[in-house]
C-alpha cells in the first residue's frame, strides 16, 4: 500500500479496520497523496466505505454454495474444489488415492443436477 502511494500517488483496496468501540469491520479504502509544487508529498487524503454487510453476504453465499442446507455437511462442489487445490500443490505428482477419488467423482452422476434416485431392486 505505501509503496503504491509513493510510486503512483494513490492506492485503492479492501482493508480490515477497527472502530472506536473495538468492532472490526471491512472497508473499501482509497488513499491519495497530496503533493506540493515540487512533487513532495505533504499529506494524504482517504475515502472509505464500510463493506461489512457485503462481506457477510458473500460469506453466506459461500456457505449456501458449498454446504448442504439440511445437514450442514460439505457437498460435492466443495469436495471437488478441495481436491483440485490439493492436486495443485507441488507434492511431486498424483498419488494413488487422489487419482482414485477423482476417478470415482468423474464416474458418479451429479445428484445436484439429476435429483436423488431410489433403489428399485430392494
C-alpha atoms as a PDB file:
ATOM      1  CA  UNK A   1       0.000   0.000   0.000  1.00  0.00           C
ATOM      2  CA  UNK A   2       2.656   2.531   0.982  1.00  0.00           C
ATOM      3  CA  UNK A   3       4.823   1.624  -1.984  1.00  0.00           C
ATOM      4  CA  UNK A   4       1.907   2.316  -4.352  1.00  0.00           C
ATOM      5  CA  UNK A   5       1.250   5.630  -2.581  1.00  0.00           C
ATOM      6  CA  UNK A   6       4.851   6.749  -3.004  1.00  0.00           C
ATOM      7  CA  UNK A   7       5.236   5.420  -6.575  1.00  0.00           C
ATOM      8  CA  UNK A   8       1.826   6.166  -8.102  1.00  0.00           C
ATOM      9  CA  UNK A   9       0.395   8.701  -5.666  1.00  0.00           C
ATOM     10  CA  UNK A  10      -2.731   6.644  -4.893  1.00  0.00           C
ATOM     11  CA  UNK A  11      -3.896   3.261  -3.619  1.00  0.00           C
ATOM     12  CA  UNK A  12      -7.270   1.518  -3.526  1.00  0.00           C
ATOM     13  CA  UNK A  13      -8.288  -1.786  -1.979  1.00  0.00           C
ATOM     14  CA  UNK A  14     -10.063  -3.679   0.780  1.00  0.00           C
ATOM     15  CA  UNK A  15      -8.795  -3.488   4.347  1.00  0.00           C
ATOM     16  CA  UNK A  16      -9.976  -4.606   7.772  1.00  0.00           C
ATOM     17  CA  UNK A  17     -10.190  -1.814  10.330  1.00  0.00           C
ATOM     18  CA  UNK A  18     -11.331  -1.284  13.923  1.00  0.00           C
ATOM     19  CA  UNK A  19     -13.757   1.424  15.042  1.00  0.00           C
ATOM     20  CA  UNK A  20     -13.659   3.341  18.346  1.00  0.00           C
ATOM     21  CA  UNK A  21     -15.836   0.732  20.061  1.00  0.00           C
ATOM     22  CA  UNK A  22     -13.388  -2.021  19.069  1.00  0.00           C
ATOM     23  CA  UNK A  23     -15.604  -3.613  16.394  1.00  0.00           C
ATOM     24  CA  UNK A  24     -13.659  -4.985  13.423  1.00  0.00           C
ATOM     25  CA  UNK A  25     -15.141  -4.159  10.013  1.00  0.00           C
ATOM     26  CA  UNK A  26     -14.264  -4.418   6.332  1.00  0.00           C
ATOM     27  CA  UNK A  27     -13.852  -1.269   4.307  1.00  0.00           C
ATOM     28  CA  UNK A  28     -13.102  -0.273   0.742  1.00  0.00           C
ATOM     29  CA  UNK A  29     -10.359   2.329   1.057  1.00  0.00           C
ATOM     30  CA  UNK A  30      -8.976   4.795  -1.474  1.00  0.00           C
ATOM     31  CA  UNK A  31      -5.959   6.892  -0.487  1.00  0.00           C
ATOM     32  CA  UNK A  32      -4.272   9.662  -2.466  1.00  0.00           C
ATOM     33  CA  UNK A  33      -1.111  11.628  -1.812  1.00  0.00           C
ATOM     34  CA  UNK A  34      -1.402  15.418  -1.852  1.00  0.00           C
ATOM     35  CA  UNK A  35       1.776  16.888  -3.337  1.00  0.00           C
ATOM     36  CA  UNK A  36       3.213  20.411  -3.409  1.00  0.00           C
ATOM     37  CA  UNK A  37       4.571  22.258  -6.469  1.00  0.00           C
ATOM     38  CA  UNK A  38       7.906  20.378  -6.269  1.00  0.00           C
ATOM     39  CA  UNK A  39       6.162  16.983  -6.109  1.00  0.00           C
ATOM     40  CA  UNK A  40       6.844  16.314  -2.416  1.00  0.00           C
ATOM     41  CA  UNK A  41       4.067  14.591  -0.509  1.00  0.00           C
ATOM     42  CA  UNK A  42       2.540  16.974   2.016  1.00  0.00           C
ATOM     43  CA  UNK A  43      -0.364  14.863   3.299  1.00  0.00           C
ATOM     44  CA  UNK A  44      -2.711  12.022   2.432  1.00  0.00           C
ATOM     45  CA  UNK A  45      -6.442  12.053   1.742  1.00  0.00           C
ATOM     46  CA  UNK A  46      -8.505   8.911   2.312  1.00  0.00           C
ATOM     47  CA  UNK A  47     -12.068   7.921   1.499  1.00  0.00           C
ATOM     48  CA  UNK A  48     -13.599   4.702   2.779  1.00  0.00           C
ATOM     49  CA  UNK A  49     -16.867   2.812   2.614  1.00  0.00           C
ATOM     50  CA  UNK A  50     -17.946   0.182   5.143  1.00  0.00           C
ATOM     51  CA  UNK A  51     -18.445  -3.062   3.185  1.00  0.00           C
ATOM     52  CA  UNK A  52     -19.034  -5.379   6.161  1.00  0.00           C
ATOM     53  CA  UNK A  53     -22.582  -6.241   5.036  1.00  0.00           C
ATOM     54  CA  UNK A  54     -21.270  -7.158   1.560  1.00  0.00           C
ATOM     55  CA  UNK A  55     -18.585  -9.414   3.103  1.00  0.00           C
ATOM     56  CA  UNK A  56     -21.227 -11.085   5.340  1.00  0.00           C
ATOM     57  CA  UNK A  57     -23.435 -11.650   2.295  1.00  0.00           C
ATOM     58  CA  UNK A  58     -20.506 -13.173   0.359  1.00  0.00           C
ATOM     59  CA  UNK A  59     -19.812 -15.483   3.295  1.00  0.00           C
ATOM     60  CA  UNK A  60     -23.457 -16.596   3.380  1.00  0.00           C
ATOM     61  CA  UNK A  61     -23.439 -17.288  -0.378  1.00  0.00           C
ATOM     62  CA  UNK A  62     -20.250 -19.321   0.062  1.00  0.00           C
ATOM     63  CA  UNK A  63     -21.986 -21.363   2.786  1.00  0.00           C
ATOM     64  CA  UNK A  64     -25.017 -21.978   0.561  1.00  0.00           C
ATOM     65  CA  UNK A  65     -22.841 -22.975  -2.409  1.00  0.00           C
ATOM     66  CA  UNK A  66     -20.585 -25.427  -0.568  1.00  0.00           C
ATOM     67  CA  UNK A  67     -22.677 -26.981   2.226  1.00  0.00           C
ATOM     68  CA  UNK A  68     -25.917 -28.948   2.351  1.00  0.00           C
ATOM     69  CA  UNK A  69     -28.700 -26.773   3.769  1.00  0.00           C
ATOM     70  CA  UNK A  70     -30.334 -29.605   5.717  1.00  0.00           C
ATOM     71  CA  UNK A  71     -27.325 -31.357   7.247  1.00  0.00           C
ATOM     72  CA  UNK A  72     -24.649 -28.661   7.063  1.00  0.00           C
ATOM     73  CA  UNK A  73     -22.217 -31.192   5.604  1.00  0.00           C
ATOM     74  CA  UNK A  74     -19.837 -30.287   2.756  1.00  0.00           C
ATOM     75  CA  UNK A  75     -21.217 -31.011  -0.713  1.00  0.00           C
ATOM     76  CA  UNK A  76     -19.590 -32.286  -3.919  1.00  0.00           C
ATOM     77  CA  UNK A  77     -18.704 -28.800  -5.137  1.00  0.00           C
ATOM     78  CA  UNK A  78     -16.597 -28.193  -2.019  1.00  0.00           C
ATOM     79  CA  UNK A  79     -15.032 -31.656  -2.240  1.00  0.00           C
ATOM     80  CA  UNK A  80     -14.138 -31.060  -5.874  1.00  0.00           C
ATOM     81  CA  UNK A  81     -12.680 -27.639  -5.060  1.00  0.00           C
ATOM     82  CA  UNK A  82     -10.547 -29.020  -2.220  1.00  0.00           C
ATOM     83  CA  UNK A  83      -9.327 -31.894  -4.377  1.00  0.00           C
ATOM     84  CA  UNK A  84      -8.289 -29.501  -7.142  1.00  0.00           C
ATOM     85  CA  UNK A  85      -6.446 -27.372  -4.577  1.00  0.00           C
ATOM     86  CA  UNK A  86      -4.678 -30.461  -3.242  1.00  0.00           C
ATOM     87  CA  UNK A  87      -3.768 -31.534  -6.766  1.00  0.00           C
ATOM     88  CA  UNK A  88      -2.269 -28.116  -7.494  1.00  0.00           C
ATOM     89  CA  UNK A  89       0.138 -28.369  -4.575  1.00  0.00           C
ATOM     90  CA  UNK A  90       3.703 -29.210  -5.585  1.00  0.00           C
ATOM     91  CA  UNK A  91       3.868 -32.660  -3.999  1.00  0.00           C
ATOM     92  CA  UNK A  92       5.766 -34.391  -6.759  1.00  0.00           C
ATOM     93  CA  UNK A  93       2.867 -35.982  -8.597  1.00  0.00           C
ATOM     94  CA  UNK A  94      -0.523 -37.560  -8.129  1.00  0.00           C
ATOM     95  CA  UNK A  95      -0.666 -40.342  -5.607  1.00  0.00           C
ATOM     96  CA  UNK A  96      -2.982 -43.323  -5.912  1.00  0.00           C
ATOM     97  CA  UNK A  97      -5.704 -42.024  -3.554  1.00  0.00           C
ATOM     98  CA  UNK A  98      -6.041 -38.704  -5.345  1.00  0.00           C
ATOM     99  CA  UNK A  99      -6.345 -40.484  -8.656  1.00  0.00           C
ATOM    100  CA  UNK A 100      -8.918 -42.921  -7.250  1.00  0.00           C
ATOM    101  CA  UNK A 101     -11.119 -40.195  -5.756  1.00  0.00           C
ATOM    102  CA  UNK A 102     -11.082 -38.144  -8.954  1.00  0.00           C
ATOM    103  CA  UNK A 103     -11.944 -41.248 -10.989  1.00  0.00           C
ATOM    104  CA  UNK A 104     -14.821 -42.021  -8.625  1.00  0.00           C
ATOM    105  CA  UNK A 105     -16.110 -38.440  -8.795  1.00  0.00           C
ATOM    106  CA  UNK A 106     -15.981 -38.415 -12.591  1.00  0.00           C
ATOM    107  CA  UNK A 107     -17.953 -41.660 -12.824  1.00  0.00           C
ATOM    108  CA  UNK A 108     -20.755 -40.622 -10.435  1.00  0.00           C
ATOM    109  CA  UNK A 109     -23.765 -38.715 -11.811  1.00  0.00           C
ATOM    110  CA  UNK A 110     -24.285 -35.390 -10.124  1.00  0.00           C
ATOM    111  CA  UNK A 111     -27.134 -35.558  -7.611  1.00  0.00           C
ATOM    112  CA  UNK A 112     -27.490 -31.801  -7.662  1.00  0.00           C
ATOM    113  CA  UNK A 113     -28.425 -31.705 -11.349  1.00  0.00           C
ATOM    114  CA  UNK A 114     -30.318 -35.001 -11.616  1.00  0.00           C
ATOM    115  CA  UNK A 115     -32.038 -35.261  -8.238  1.00  0.00           C
ATOM    116  CA  UNK A 116     -31.855 -38.252  -5.923  1.00  0.00           C
ATOM    117  CA  UNK A 117     -32.659 -41.756  -7.168  1.00  0.00           C
ATOM    118  CA  UNK A 118     -34.277 -44.684  -5.398  1.00  0.00           C
ATOM    119  CA  UNK A 119     -33.132 -48.268  -5.494  1.00  0.00           C
ATOM    120  CA  UNK A 120     -35.770 -50.281  -7.365  1.00  0.00           C
ATOM    121  CA  UNK A 121     -34.383 -53.775  -6.744  1.00  0.00           C
ATOM    122  CA  UNK A 122     -34.632 -53.911  -2.938  1.00  0.00           C
END
